[in-house]
Amino acid sequence: MVASSVSSTKTEITLRLSEFEMPPMQDALIIGRKAPLGFEAAKRMVDIISPNKYEVIKVQHPTIEALVIRKALMRMVPRDRLISIILEEGGKVANETTIFKVQLSIVLCVSKTVEL
């Protein structure tokens, strides 16, 4: 009697589809010094796709060349402070070829005492 062996190979494929966003960024982009998209290209992209909504900022950082930040955020948090926060946190994970899409959540808490 000959023992028969059954062999099979299965492949599982999972697709996640989501709507393409214009521009293809959220609140900010972190662009590494040797990333395929540099400062000038980011500037052109922003001017074409979303004029007046984002600011492209060249920064002094060992691995990060530029940031692209939604202007509305800089009205909520002072520009320099927002840049330093993004560089501080993004700099921990970014490398020279990185292009990170950044989602920021800013919540303003206001408390006022009123004399009655």
PDB file of N, CA and C in Angstrom:
ATOM      1  N   MET A   1       0.832  -1.168   0.000  1.00  0.00           N
ATOM      2  CA  MET A   1       0.000   0.000   0.000  1.00  0.00           C
ATOM      3  C   MET A   1       0.886   1.244   0.000  1.00  0.00           C
ATOM      4  N   VAL A   2       0.583   2.181  -0.850  1.00  0.00           N
ATOM      5  CA  VAL A   2       1.361   3.417  -0.989  1.00  0.00           C
ATOM      6  C   VAL A   2       0.630   4.524  -0.237  1.00  0.00           C
ATOM      7  N   ALA A   3       1.368   5.216   0.638  1.00  0.00           N
ATOM      8  CA  ALA A   3       0.761   6.317   1.384  1.00  0.00           C
ATOM      9  C   ALA A   3       0.696   7.539   0.475  1.00  0.00           C
ATOM     10  N   SER A   4      -0.453   8.177   0.448  1.00  0.00           N
ATOM     11  CA  SER A   4      -0.557   9.365  -0.389  1.00  0.00           C
ATOM     12  C   SER A   4      -0.489  10.593   0.495  1.00  0.00           C
ATOM     13  N   SER A   5       0.110  11.638  -0.046  1.00  0.00           N
ATOM     14  CA  SER A   5       0.283  12.884   0.693  1.00  0.00           C
ATOM     15  C   SER A   5      -0.420  13.993  -0.080  1.00  0.00           C
ATOM     16  N   VAL A   6      -1.180  14.777   0.622  1.00  0.00           N
ATOM     17  CA  VAL A   6      -1.881  15.892  -0.007  1.00  0.00           C
ATOM     18  C   VAL A   6      -1.209  17.177   0.447  1.00  0.00           C
ATOM     19  N   SER A   7      -0.888  17.996  -0.506  1.00  0.00           N
ATOM     20  CA  SER A   7      -0.223  19.253  -0.196  1.00  0.00           C
ATOM     21  C   SER A   7      -1.028  20.398  -0.800  1.00  0.00           C
ATOM     22  N   SER A   8      -1.155  21.474  -0.078  1.00  0.00           N
ATOM     23  CA  SER A   8      -1.843  22.636  -0.649  1.00  0.00           C
ATOM     24  C   SER A   8      -1.179  23.910  -0.142  1.00  0.00           C
ATOM     25  N   THR A   9      -1.268  24.914  -0.936  1.00  0.00           N
ATOM     26  CA  THR A   9      -0.732  26.217  -0.568  1.00  0.00           C
ATOM     27  C   THR A   9      -1.864  27.219  -0.658  1.00  0.00           C
ATOM     28  N   LYS A  10      -2.003  28.017   0.357  1.00  0.00           N
ATOM     29  CA  LYS A  10      -3.044  29.039   0.367  1.00  0.00           C
ATOM     30  C   LYS A  10      -2.398  30.388   0.592  1.00  0.00           C
ATOM     31  N   THR A  11      -2.966  31.378  -0.012  1.00  0.00           N
ATOM     32  CA  THR A  11      -2.495  32.741   0.163  1.00  0.00           C
ATOM     33  C   THR A  11      -3.672  33.598   0.572  1.00  0.00           C
ATOM     34  N   GLU A  12      -3.482  34.352   1.608  1.00  0.00           N
ATOM     35  CA  GLU A  12      -4.530  35.266   2.035  1.00  0.00           C
ATOM     36  C   GLU A  12      -4.144  36.668   1.611  1.00  0.00           C
ATOM     37  N   ILE A  13      -5.057  37.362   0.984  1.00  0.00           N
ATOM     38  CA  ILE A  13      -4.791  38.724   0.527  1.00  0.00           C
ATOM     39  C   ILE A  13      -5.809  39.642   1.180  1.00  0.00           C
ATOM     40  N   THR A  14      -5.314  40.702   1.775  1.00  0.00           N
ATOM     41  CA  THR A  14      -6.180  41.691   2.384  1.00  0.00           C
ATOM     42  C   THR A  14      -5.930  43.026   1.706  1.00  0.00           C
ATOM     43  N   LEU A  15      -6.984  43.688   1.275  1.00  0.00           N
ATOM     44  CA  LEU A  15      -6.871  45.012   0.668  1.00  0.00           C
ATOM     45  C   LEU A  15      -7.591  46.019   1.546  1.00  0.00           C
ATOM     46  N   ARG A  16      -6.980  47.168   1.729  1.00  0.00           N
ATOM     47  CA  ARG A  16      -7.633  48.279   2.422  1.00  0.00           C
ATOM     48  C   ARG A  16      -7.684  49.436   1.440  1.00  0.00           C
ATOM     49  N   LEU A  17      -8.843  49.853   1.122  1.00  0.00           N
ATOM     50  CA  LEU A  17      -9.016  50.936   0.170  1.00  0.00           C
ATOM     51  C   LEU A  17      -9.556  52.154   0.898  1.00  0.00           C
ATOM     52  N   SER A  18      -8.979  53.301   0.606  1.00  0.00           N
ATOM     53  CA  SER A  18      -9.496  54.540   1.176  1.00  0.00           C
ATOM     54  C   SER A  18      -9.398  55.624   0.118  1.00  0.00           C
ATOM     55  N   GLU A  19     -10.167  56.640   0.303  1.00  0.00           N
ATOM     56  CA  GLU A  19     -10.201  57.724  -0.661  1.00  0.00           C
ATOM     57  C   GLU A  19      -8.857  58.445  -0.688  1.00  0.00           C
ATOM     58  N   PHE A  20      -8.373  58.756  -1.877  1.00  0.00           N
ATOM     59  CA  PHE A  20      -7.132  59.498  -2.039  1.00  0.00           C
ATOM     60  C   PHE A  20      -7.392  60.936  -1.614  1.00  0.00           C
ATOM     61  N   GLU A  21      -6.533  61.476  -0.806  1.00  0.00           N
ATOM     62  CA  GLU A  21      -6.704  62.827  -0.292  1.00  0.00           C
ATOM     63  C   GLU A  21      -5.951  63.824  -1.143  1.00  0.00           C
ATOM     64  N   MET A  22      -6.533  64.969  -1.360  1.00  0.00           N
ATOM     65  CA  MET A  22      -5.853  66.067  -2.040  1.00  0.00           C
ATOM     66  C   MET A  22      -5.788  67.219  -1.078  1.00  0.00           C
ATOM     67  N   PRO A  23      -4.672  67.701  -0.735  1.00  0.00           N
ATOM     68  CA  PRO A  23      -3.356  67.188  -1.101  1.00  0.00           C
ATOM     69  C   PRO A  23      -3.060  65.886  -0.362  1.00  0.00           C
ATOM     70  N   PRO A  24      -2.085  65.129  -0.844  1.00  0.00           N
ATOM     71  CA  PRO A  24      -1.773  63.833  -0.222  1.00  0.00           C
ATOM     72  C   PRO A  24      -1.002  63.993   1.089  1.00  0.00           C
ATOM     73  N   MET A  25      -1.493  64.806   1.949  1.00  0.00           N
ATOM     74  CA  MET A  25      -0.902  65.007   3.267  1.00  0.00           C
ATOM     75  C   MET A  25      -2.021  65.416   4.196  1.00  0.00           C
ATOM     76  N   GLN A  26      -1.730  65.447   5.453  1.00  0.00           N
ATOM     77  CA  GLN A  26      -2.772  65.832   6.397  1.00  0.00           C
ATOM     78  C   GLN A  26      -2.451  67.199   6.957  1.00  0.00           C
ATOM     79  N   ASP A  27      -2.013  67.226   8.180  1.00  0.00           N
ATOM     80  CA  ASP A  27      -1.739  68.502   8.821  1.00  0.00           C
ATOM     81  C   ASP A  27      -0.327  68.993   8.546  1.00  0.00           C
ATOM     82  N   ALA A  28       0.584  68.041   8.351  1.00  0.00           N
ATOM     83  CA  ALA A  28       1.978  68.424   8.114  1.00  0.00           C
ATOM     84  C   ALA A  28       2.725  67.282   7.425  1.00  0.00           C
ATOM     85  N   LEU A  29       3.847  67.622   6.835  1.00  0.00           N
ATOM     86  CA  LEU A  29       4.781  66.640   6.284  1.00  0.00           C
ATOM     87  C   LEU A  29       6.145  66.910   6.888  1.00  0.00           C
ATOM     88  N   ILE A  30       6.876  65.839   7.158  1.00  0.00           N
ATOM     89  CA  ILE A  30       8.275  65.924   7.568  1.00  0.00           C
ATOM     90  C   ILE A  30       9.082  65.379   6.402  1.00  0.00           C
ATOM     91  N   ILE A  31       9.986  66.170   5.882  1.00  0.00           N
ATOM     92  CA  ILE A  31      10.758  65.780   4.699  1.00  0.00           C
ATOM     93  C   ILE A  31      12.235  65.662   5.072  1.00  0.00           C
ATOM     94  N   GLY A  32      12.782  64.469   4.911  1.00  0.00           N
ATOM     95  CA  GLY A  32      14.184  64.221   5.220  1.00  0.00           C
ATOM     96  C   GLY A  32      15.124  64.877   4.218  1.00  0.00           C
ATOM     97  N   ARG A  33      16.376  65.072   4.624  1.00  0.00           N
ATOM     98  CA  ARG A  33      17.377  65.751   3.784  1.00  0.00           C
ATOM     99  C   ARG A  33      17.629  65.062   2.443  1.00  0.00           C
ATOM    100  N   LYS A  34      17.486  63.748   2.380  1.00  0.00           N
ATOM    101  CA  LYS A  34      17.736  63.010   1.141  1.00  0.00           C
ATOM    102  C   LYS A  34      16.474  62.312   0.639  1.00  0.00           C
ATOM    103  N   ALA A  35      15.323  62.841   1.010  1.00  0.00           N
ATOM    104  CA  ALA A  35      14.042  62.259   0.583  1.00  0.00           C
ATOM    105  C   ALA A  35      13.810  62.538  -0.899  1.00  0.00           C
ATOM    106  N   PRO A  36      13.034  61.693  -1.566  1.00  0.00           N
ATOM    107  CA  PRO A  36      12.745  61.910  -2.984  1.00  0.00           C
ATOM    108  C   PRO A  36      12.036  63.247  -3.254  1.00  0.00           C
ATOM    109  N   LEU A  37      11.304  63.742  -2.275  1.00  0.00           N
ATOM    110  CA  LEU A  37      10.637  65.035  -2.378  1.00  0.00           C
ATOM    111  C   LEU A  37      11.411  66.013  -1.522  1.00  0.00           C
ATOM    112  N   GLY A  38      12.056  66.975  -2.154  1.00  0.00           N
ATOM    113  CA  GLY A  38      12.846  67.949  -1.407  1.00  0.00           C
ATOM    114  C   GLY A  38      12.066  69.233  -1.155  1.00  0.00           C
ATOM    115  N   PHE A  39      12.748  70.217  -0.622  1.00  0.00           N
ATOM    116  CA  PHE A  39      12.152  71.505  -0.270  1.00  0.00           C
ATOM    117  C   PHE A  39      11.483  72.171  -1.471  1.00  0.00           C
ATOM    118  N   GLU A  40      12.221  72.309  -2.568  1.00  0.00           N
ATOM    119  CA  GLU A  40      11.684  72.992  -3.762  1.00  0.00           C
ATOM    120  C   GLU A  40      10.496  72.242  -4.360  1.00  0.00           C
ATOM    121  N   ALA A  41      10.596  70.917  -4.452  1.00  0.00           N
ATOM    122  CA  ALA A  41       9.499  70.119  -5.005  1.00  0.00           C
ATOM    123  C   ALA A  41       8.265  70.205  -4.103  1.00  0.00           C
ATOM    124  N   ALA A  42       8.477  70.216  -2.799  1.00  0.00           N
ATOM    125  CA  ALA A  42       7.354  70.338  -1.855  1.00  0.00           C
ATOM    126  C   ALA A  42       6.669  71.687  -2.044  1.00  0.00           C
ATOM    127  N   LYS A  43       7.472  72.713  -2.247  1.00  0.00           N
ATOM    128  CA  LYS A  43       6.929  74.054  -2.469  1.00  0.00           C
ATOM    129  C   LYS A  43       6.068  74.101  -3.726  1.00  0.00           C
ATOM    130  N   ARG A  44       6.572  73.514  -4.804  1.00  0.00           N
ATOM    131  CA  ARG A  44       5.807  73.482  -6.061  1.00  0.00           C
ATOM    132  C   ARG A  44       4.510  72.683  -5.880  1.00  0.00           C
ATOM    133  N   MET A  45       4.608  71.544  -5.200  1.00  0.00           N
ATOM    134  CA  MET A  45       3.437  70.699  -4.979  1.00  0.00           C
ATOM    135  C   MET A  45       2.357  71.462  -4.216  1.00  0.00           C
ATOM    136  N   VAL A  46       2.747  72.124  -3.142  1.00  0.00           N
ATOM    137  CA  VAL A  46       1.802  72.868  -2.316  1.00  0.00           C
ATOM    138  C   VAL A  46       1.183  74.012  -3.114  1.00  0.00           C
ATOM    139  N   ASP A  47       2.003  74.719  -3.888  1.00  0.00           N
ATOM    140  CA  ASP A  47       1.490  75.839  -4.692  1.00  0.00           C
ATOM    141  C   ASP A  47       0.476  75.377  -5.728  1.00  0.00           C
ATOM    142  N   ILE A  48       0.686  74.190  -6.301  1.00  0.00           N
ATOM    143  CA  ILE A  48      -0.211  73.676  -7.331  1.00  0.00           C
ATOM    144  C   ILE A  48      -1.467  73.060  -6.724  1.00  0.00           C
ATOM    145  N   ILE A  49      -1.288  72.188  -5.742  1.00  0.00           N
ATOM    146  CA  ILE A  49      -2.404  71.409  -5.214  1.00  0.00           C
ATOM    147  C   ILE A  49      -3.244  72.177  -4.205  1.00  0.00           C
ATOM    148  N   SER A  50      -2.603  72.939  -3.356  1.00  0.00           N
ATOM    149  CA  SER A  50      -3.329  73.575  -2.261  1.00  0.00           C
ATOM    150  C   SER A  50      -2.758  74.958  -1.948  1.00  0.00           C
ATOM    151  N   PRO A  51      -2.878  75.889  -2.887  1.00  0.00           N
ATOM    152  CA  PRO A  51      -2.287  77.209  -2.646  1.00  0.00           C
ATOM    153  C   PRO A  51      -2.897  77.891  -1.415  1.00  0.00           C
ATOM    154  N   ASN A  52      -2.052  78.542  -0.659  1.00  0.00           N
ATOM    155  CA  ASN A  52      -2.440  79.320   0.524  1.00  0.00           C
ATOM    156  C   ASN A  52      -2.941  78.501   1.711  1.00  0.00           C
ATOM    157  N   LYS A  53      -2.867  77.176   1.661  1.00  0.00           N
ATOM    158  CA  LYS A  53      -3.310  76.364   2.803  1.00  0.00           C
ATOM    159  C   LYS A  53      -2.150  75.858   3.648  1.00  0.00           C
ATOM    160  N   TYR A  54      -0.969  75.724   3.052  1.00  0.00           N
ATOM    161  CA  TYR A  54       0.195  75.165   3.734  1.00  0.00           C
ATOM    162  C   TYR A  54       1.380  76.105   3.593  1.00  0.00           C
ATOM    163  N   GLU A  55       2.292  76.024   4.560  1.00  0.00           N
ATOM    164  CA  GLU A  55       3.557  76.750   4.469  1.00  0.00           C
ATOM    165  C   GLU A  55       4.679  75.722   4.430  1.00  0.00           C
ATOM    166  N   VAL A  56       5.599  75.917   3.495  1.00  0.00           N
ATOM    167  CA  VAL A  56       6.762  75.037   3.384  1.00  0.00           C
ATOM    168  C   VAL A  56       7.918  75.752   4.072  1.00  0.00           C
ATOM    169  N   ILE A  57       8.503  75.082   5.063  1.00  0.00           N
ATOM    170  CA  ILE A  57       9.499  75.721   5.926  1.00  0.00           C
ATOM    171  C   ILE A  57      10.802  74.933   5.873  1.00  0.00           C
ATOM    172  N   LYS A  58      11.882  75.578   5.451  1.00  0.00           N
ATOM    173  CA  LYS A  58      13.212  74.960   5.471  1.00  0.00           C
ATOM    174  C   LYS A  58      13.714  75.056   6.908  1.00  0.00           C
ATOM    175  N   VAL A  59      14.239  73.940   7.443  1.00  0.00           N
ATOM    176  CA  VAL A  59      14.665  73.920   8.843  1.00  0.00           C
ATOM    177  C   VAL A  59      16.132  73.522   8.967  1.00  0.00           C
ATOM    178  N   GLN A  60      16.711  73.888  10.073  1.00  0.00           N
ATOM    179  CA  GLN A  60      18.074  73.490  10.419  1.00  0.00           C
ATOM    180  C   GLN A  60      17.987  72.288  11.349  1.00  0.00           C
ATOM    181  N   HIS A  61      18.219  71.103  10.802  1.00  0.00           N
ATOM    182  CA  HIS A  61      18.107  69.868  11.567  1.00  0.00           C
ATOM    183  C   HIS A  61      19.048  68.848  10.936  1.00  0.00           C
ATOM    184  N   PRO A  62      19.636  67.948  11.722  1.00  0.00           N
ATOM    185  CA  PRO A  62      20.589  66.976  11.155  1.00  0.00           C
ATOM    186  C   PRO A  62      19.998  66.053  10.079  1.00  0.00           C
ATOM    187  N   THR A  63      18.734  65.640  10.221  1.00  0.00           N
ATOM    188  CA  THR A  63      18.161  64.708   9.250  1.00  0.00           C
ATOM    189  C   THR A  63      16.950  65.255   8.496  1.00  0.00           C
ATOM    190  N   ILE A  64      16.332  66.296   8.995  1.00  0.00           N
ATOM    191  CA  ILE A  64      15.119  66.848   8.382  1.00  0.00           C
ATOM    192  C   ILE A  64      15.464  68.126   7.620  1.00  0.00           C
ATOM    193  N   GLU A  65      15.019  68.187   6.351  1.00  0.00           N
ATOM    194  CA  GLU A  65      15.273  69.368   5.520  1.00  0.00           C
ATOM    195  C   GLU A  65      14.148  70.391   5.611  1.00  0.00           C
ATOM    196  N   ALA A  66      12.914  69.903   5.625  1.00  0.00           N
ATOM    197  CA  ALA A  66      11.792  70.829   5.570  1.00  0.00           C
ATOM    198  C   ALA A  66      10.547  70.261   6.243  1.00  0.00           C
ATOM    199  N   LEU A  67       9.665  71.172   6.580  1.00  0.00           N
ATOM    200  CA  LEU A  67       8.345  70.823   7.101  1.00  0.00           C
ATOM    201  C   LEU A  67       7.310  71.521   6.224  1.00  0.00           C
ATOM    202  N   VAL A  68       6.198  70.868   6.029  1.00  0.00           N
ATOM    203  CA  VAL A  68       5.060  71.491   5.368  1.00  0.00           C
ATOM    204  C   VAL A  68       3.946  71.453   6.408  1.00  0.00           C
ATOM    205  N   ILE A  69       3.470  72.633   6.799  1.00  0.00           N
ATOM    206  CA  ILE A  69       2.492  72.715   7.887  1.00  0.00           C
ATOM    207  C   ILE A  69       1.256  73.487   7.425  1.00  0.00           C
ATOM    208  N   ARG A  70       0.102  72.959   7.782  1.00  0.00           N
ATOM    209  CA  ARG A  70      -1.151  73.636   7.461  1.00  0.00           C
ATOM    210  C   ARG A  70      -1.193  74.967   8.205  1.00  0.00           C
ATOM    211  N   LYS A  71      -1.447  76.051   7.486  1.00  0.00           N
ATOM    212  CA  LYS A  71      -1.411  77.402   8.055  1.00  0.00           C
ATOM    213  C   LYS A  71      -2.412  77.594   9.189  1.00  0.00           C
ATOM    214  N   ALA A  72      -3.553  76.944   9.102  1.00  0.00           N
ATOM    215  CA  ALA A  72      -4.575  77.084  10.158  1.00  0.00           C
ATOM    216  C   ALA A  72      -4.029  76.646  11.517  1.00  0.00           C
ATOM    217  N   LEU A  73      -3.137  75.667  11.528  1.00  0.00           N
ATOM    218  CA  LEU A  73      -2.555  75.201  12.794  1.00  0.00           C
ATOM    219  C   LEU A  73      -1.654  76.254  13.415  1.00  0.00           C
ATOM    220  N   MET A  74      -0.989  77.027  12.552  1.00  0.00           N
ATOM    221  CA  MET A  74      -0.078  78.058  13.062  1.00  0.00           C
ATOM    222  C   MET A  74      -0.833  79.282  13.568  1.00  0.00           C
ATOM    223  N   ARG A  75      -2.138  79.313  13.334  1.00  0.00           N
ATOM    224  CA  ARG A  75      -2.957  80.365  13.944  1.00  0.00           C
ATOM    225  C   ARG A  75      -3.406  79.938  15.340  1.00  0.00           C
ATOM    226  N   MET A  76      -3.344  78.623  15.599  1.00  0.00           N
ATOM    227  CA  MET A  76      -3.759  78.101  16.905  1.00  0.00           C
ATOM    228  C   MET A  76      -2.582  77.993  17.878  1.00  0.00           C
ATOM    229  N   VAL A  77      -1.424  77.628  17.333  1.00  0.00           N
ATOM    230  CA  VAL A  77      -0.210  77.463  18.134  1.00  0.00           C
ATOM    231  C   VAL A  77       0.868  78.327  17.475  1.00  0.00           C
ATOM    232  N   PRO A  78       1.625  79.084  18.252  1.00  0.00           N
ATOM    233  CA  PRO A  78       2.657  79.918  17.645  1.00  0.00           C
ATOM    234  C   PRO A  78       3.580  79.107  16.711  1.00  0.00           C
ATOM    235  N   ARG A  79       3.861  79.678  15.546  1.00  0.00           N
ATOM    236  CA  ARG A  79       4.624  79.024  14.478  1.00  0.00           C
ATOM    237  C   ARG A  79       5.898  78.364  14.985  1.00  0.00           C
ATOM    238  N   ASP A  80       6.752  79.111  15.675  1.00  0.00           N
ATOM    239  CA  ASP A  80       8.034  78.580  16.140  1.00  0.00           C
ATOM    240  C   ASP A  80       7.861  77.432  17.122  1.00  0.00           C
ATOM    241  N   ARG A  81       6.851  77.530  17.969  1.00  0.00           N
ATOM    242  CA  ARG A  81       6.599  76.461  18.946  1.00  0.00           C
ATOM    243  C   ARG A  81       6.128  75.199  18.253  1.00  0.00           C
ATOM    244  N   LEU A  82       5.263  75.346  17.265  1.00  0.00           N
ATOM    245  CA  LEU A  82       4.761  74.196  16.514  1.00  0.00           C
ATOM    246  C   LEU A  82       5.894  73.512  15.748  1.00  0.00           C
ATOM    247  N   ILE A  83       6.754  74.303  15.137  1.00  0.00           N
ATOM    248  CA  ILE A  83       7.915  73.761  14.413  1.00  0.00           C
ATOM    249  C   ILE A  83       8.812  72.976  15.361  1.00  0.00           C
ATOM    250  N   SER A  84       9.088  73.553  16.527  1.00  0.00           N
ATOM    251  CA  SER A  84       9.987  72.868  17.463  1.00  0.00           C
ATOM    252  C   SER A  84       9.382  71.559  17.980  1.00  0.00           C
ATOM    253  N   ILE A  85       8.069  71.532  18.190  1.00  0.00           N
ATOM    254  CA  ILE A  85       7.416  70.297  18.646  1.00  0.00           C
ATOM    255  C   ILE A  85       7.503  69.219  17.571  1.00  0.00           C
ATOM    256  N   ILE A  86       7.202  69.586  16.334  1.00  0.00           N
ATOM    257  CA  ILE A  86       7.256  68.617  15.228  1.00  0.00           C
ATOM    258  C   ILE A  86       8.681  68.107  15.033  1.00  0.00           C
ATOM    259  N   LEU A  87       9.664  69.009  15.077  1.00  0.00           N
ATOM    260  CA  LEU A  87      11.063  68.586  14.919  1.00  0.00           C
ATOM    261  C   LEU A  87      11.511  67.696  16.071  1.00  0.00           C
ATOM    262  N   GLU A  88      11.124  68.048  17.275  1.00  0.00           N
ATOM    263  CA  GLU A  88      11.523  67.274  18.453  1.00  0.00           C
ATOM    264  C   GLU A  88      10.985  65.845  18.377  1.00  0.00           C
ATOM    265  N   GLU A  89       9.693  65.710  18.115  1.00  0.00           N
ATOM    266  CA  GLU A  89       9.087  64.380  18.085  1.00  0.00           C
ATOM    267  C   GLU A  89       9.394  63.642  16.789  1.00  0.00           C
ATOM    268  N   GLY A  90       9.290  64.331  15.666  1.00  0.00           N
ATOM    269  CA  GLY A  90       9.576  63.708  14.371  1.00  0.00           C
ATOM    270  C   GLY A  90      11.036  63.323  14.223  1.00  0.00           C
ATOM    271  N   GLY A  91      11.913  64.120  14.813  1.00  0.00           N
ATOM    272  CA  GLY A  91      13.346  63.848  14.746  1.00  0.00           C
ATOM    273  C   GLY A  91      13.745  62.559  15.444  1.00  0.00           C
ATOM    274  N   LYS A  92      12.900  62.074  16.329  1.00  0.00           N
ATOM    275  CA  LYS A  92      13.191  60.818  17.035  1.00  0.00           C
ATOM    276  C   LYS A  92      13.041  59.608  16.122  1.00  0.00           C
ATOM    277  N   VAL A  93      12.218  59.719  15.086  1.00  0.00           N
ATOM    278  CA  VAL A  93      11.962  58.575  14.210  1.00  0.00           C
ATOM    279  C   VAL A  93      12.345  58.811  12.753  1.00  0.00           C
ATOM    280  N   ALA A  94      12.514  60.055  12.371  1.00  0.00           N
ATOM    281  CA  ALA A  94      12.823  60.371  10.974  1.00  0.00           C
ATOM    282  C   ALA A  94      14.282  60.072  10.650  1.00  0.00           C
ATOM    283  N   ASN A  95      14.506  59.700   9.384  1.00  0.00           N
ATOM    284  CA  ASN A  95      15.880  59.612   8.895  1.00  0.00           C
ATOM    285  C   ASN A  95      15.985  60.476   7.651  1.00  0.00           C
ATOM    286  N   GLU A  96      17.135  60.475   6.996  1.00  0.00           N
ATOM    287  CA  GLU A  96      17.346  61.398   5.884  1.00  0.00           C
ATOM    288  C   GLU A  96      16.480  61.124   4.663  1.00  0.00           C
ATOM    289  N   THR A  97      15.952  59.919   4.519  1.00  0.00           N
ATOM    290  CA  THR A  97      15.124  59.606   3.351  1.00  0.00           C
ATOM    291  C   THR A  97      13.627  59.608   3.669  1.00  0.00           C
ATOM    292  N   THR A  98      13.283  59.977   4.864  1.00  0.00           N
ATOM    293  CA  THR A  98      11.904  59.949   5.346  1.00  0.00           C
ATOM    294  C   THR A  98      11.033  61.027   4.721  1.00  0.00           C
ATOM    295  N   ILE A  99       9.799  60.640   4.429  1.00  0.00           N
ATOM    296  CA  ILE A  99       8.720  61.600   4.213  1.00  0.00           C
ATOM    297  C   ILE A  99       7.570  61.088   5.072  1.00  0.00           C
ATOM    298  N   PHE A 100       7.307  61.791   6.160  1.00  0.00           N
ATOM    299  CA  PHE A 100       6.233  61.396   7.070  1.00  0.00           C
ATOM    300  C   PHE A 100       5.039  62.312   6.902  1.00  0.00           C
ATOM    301  N   LYS A 101       3.867  61.718   6.828  1.00  0.00           N
ATOM    302  CA  LYS A 101       2.621  62.463   6.880  1.00  0.00           C
ATOM    303  C   LYS A 101       2.268  62.577   8.359  1.00  0.00           C
ATOM    304  N   VAL A 102       1.996  63.777   8.817  1.00  0.00           N
ATOM    305  CA  VAL A 102       1.755  64.021  10.243  1.00  0.00           C
ATOM    306  C   VAL A 102       0.302  64.433  10.458  1.00  0.00           C
ATOM    307  N   GLN A 103      -0.319  63.775  11.402  1.00  0.00           N
ATOM    308  CA  GLN A 103      -1.662  64.169  11.809  1.00  0.00           C
ATOM    309  C   GLN A 103      -1.542  64.799  13.191  1.00  0.00           C
ATOM    310  N   LEU A 104      -1.960  66.034  13.309  1.00  0.00           N
ATOM    311  CA  LEU A 104      -1.881  66.758  14.574  1.00  0.00           C
ATOM    312  C   LEU A 104      -3.279  66.927  15.152  1.00  0.00           C
ATOM    313  N   SER A 105      -3.366  66.809  16.437  1.00  0.00           N
ATOM    314  CA  SER A 105      -4.622  67.067  17.118  1.00  0.00           C
ATOM    315  C   SER A 105      -4.363  68.164  18.143  1.00  0.00           C
ATOM    316  N   ILE A 106      -4.977  69.302  17.923  1.00  0.00           N
ATOM    317  CA  ILE A 106      -4.790  70.430  18.831  1.00  0.00           C
ATOM    318  C   ILE A 106      -6.124  70.723  19.494  1.00  0.00           C
ATOM    319  N   VAL A 107      -6.114  70.732  20.805  1.00  0.00           N
ATOM    320  CA  VAL A 107      -7.317  71.042  21.570  1.00  0.00           C
ATOM    321  C   VAL A 107      -6.998  72.257  22.425  1.00  0.00           C
ATOM    322  N   LEU A 108      -7.747  73.314  22.238  1.00  0.00           N
ATOM    323  CA  LEU A 108      -7.564  74.514  23.043  1.00  0.00           C
ATOM    324  C   LEU A 108      -8.498  74.447  24.240  1.00  0.00           C
ATOM    325  N   CYS A 109      -7.957  74.634  25.427  1.00  0.00           N
ATOM    326  CA  CYS A 109      -8.752  74.632  26.654  1.00  0.00           C
ATOM    327  C   CYS A 109      -8.752  76.057  27.212  1.00  0.00           C
ATOM    328  N   VAL A 110      -9.923  76.606  27.368  1.00  0.00           N
ATOM    329  CA  VAL A 110     -10.036  77.975  27.852  1.00  0.00           C
ATOM    330  C   VAL A 110     -10.833  77.967  29.156  1.00  0.00           C
ATOM    331  N   SER A 111     -10.293  78.655  30.148  1.00  0.00           N
ATOM    332  CA  SER A 111     -10.980  78.796  31.415  1.00  0.00           C
ATOM    333  C   SER A 111     -10.989  80.264  31.775  1.00  0.00           C
ATOM    334  N   LYS A 112     -12.131  80.776  32.148  1.00  0.00           N
ATOM    335  CA  LYS A 112     -12.241  82.183  32.456  1.00  0.00           C
ATOM    336  C   LYS A 112     -13.010  82.355  33.752  1.00  0.00           C
ATOM    337  N   THR A 113     -12.569  83.265  34.574  1.00  0.00           N
ATOM    338  CA  THR A 113     -13.299  83.597  35.783  1.00  0.00           C
ATOM    339  C   THR A 113     -14.003  84.928  35.527  1.00  0.00           C
ATOM    340  N   VAL A 114     -15.294  84.935  35.802  1.00  0.00           N
ATOM    341  CA  VAL A 114     -16.081  86.123  35.548  1.00  0.00           C
ATOM    342  C   VAL A 114     -16.693  86.583  36.867  1.00  0.00           C
ATOM    343  N   GLU A 115     -16.556  87.837  37.122  1.00  0.00           N
ATOM    344  CA  GLU A 115     -17.141  88.408  38.345  1.00  0.00           C
ATOM    345  C   GLU A 115     -18.615  88.682  38.111  1.00  0.00           C
ATOM    346  N   LEU A 116     -19.462  88.223  39.034  1.00  0.00           N
ATOM    347  CA  LEU A 116     -20.914  88.424  38.900  1.00  0.00           C
ATOM    348  C   LEU A 116     -21.426  89.519  39.798  1.00  0.00           C
TER     349      LEU A 116
END
